[in-house]
Amino acid sequence: MDEPVDGAGRSPGPPYDHPETEAERRKRRAVFLRELTEARELRERVQPRRTKERRMREAMRMRTFRI
């Protein structure tokens, strides 16, 4: 039993032996934002009423903080 006991056997983040380059960070961010957009679109299709309410609340918040 010499193996590490951290669940999957590898860390979820980048390895620590080399610093992350700007291009790698931008690529990871683009993937994250694409998945986030996809999740929001799915939520709109699955729960249209809740999504409409959320959009209305967000619009009210934006109007509230305008100068």
Foldseek 3Di string as FASTA:
>chain_A
DPQDDPPPSDDPDDDPPDDDDPVNVVVVVVVVVVVVVVVLVVCCVVPVVVNVVVVVVVVVVVVVPDD
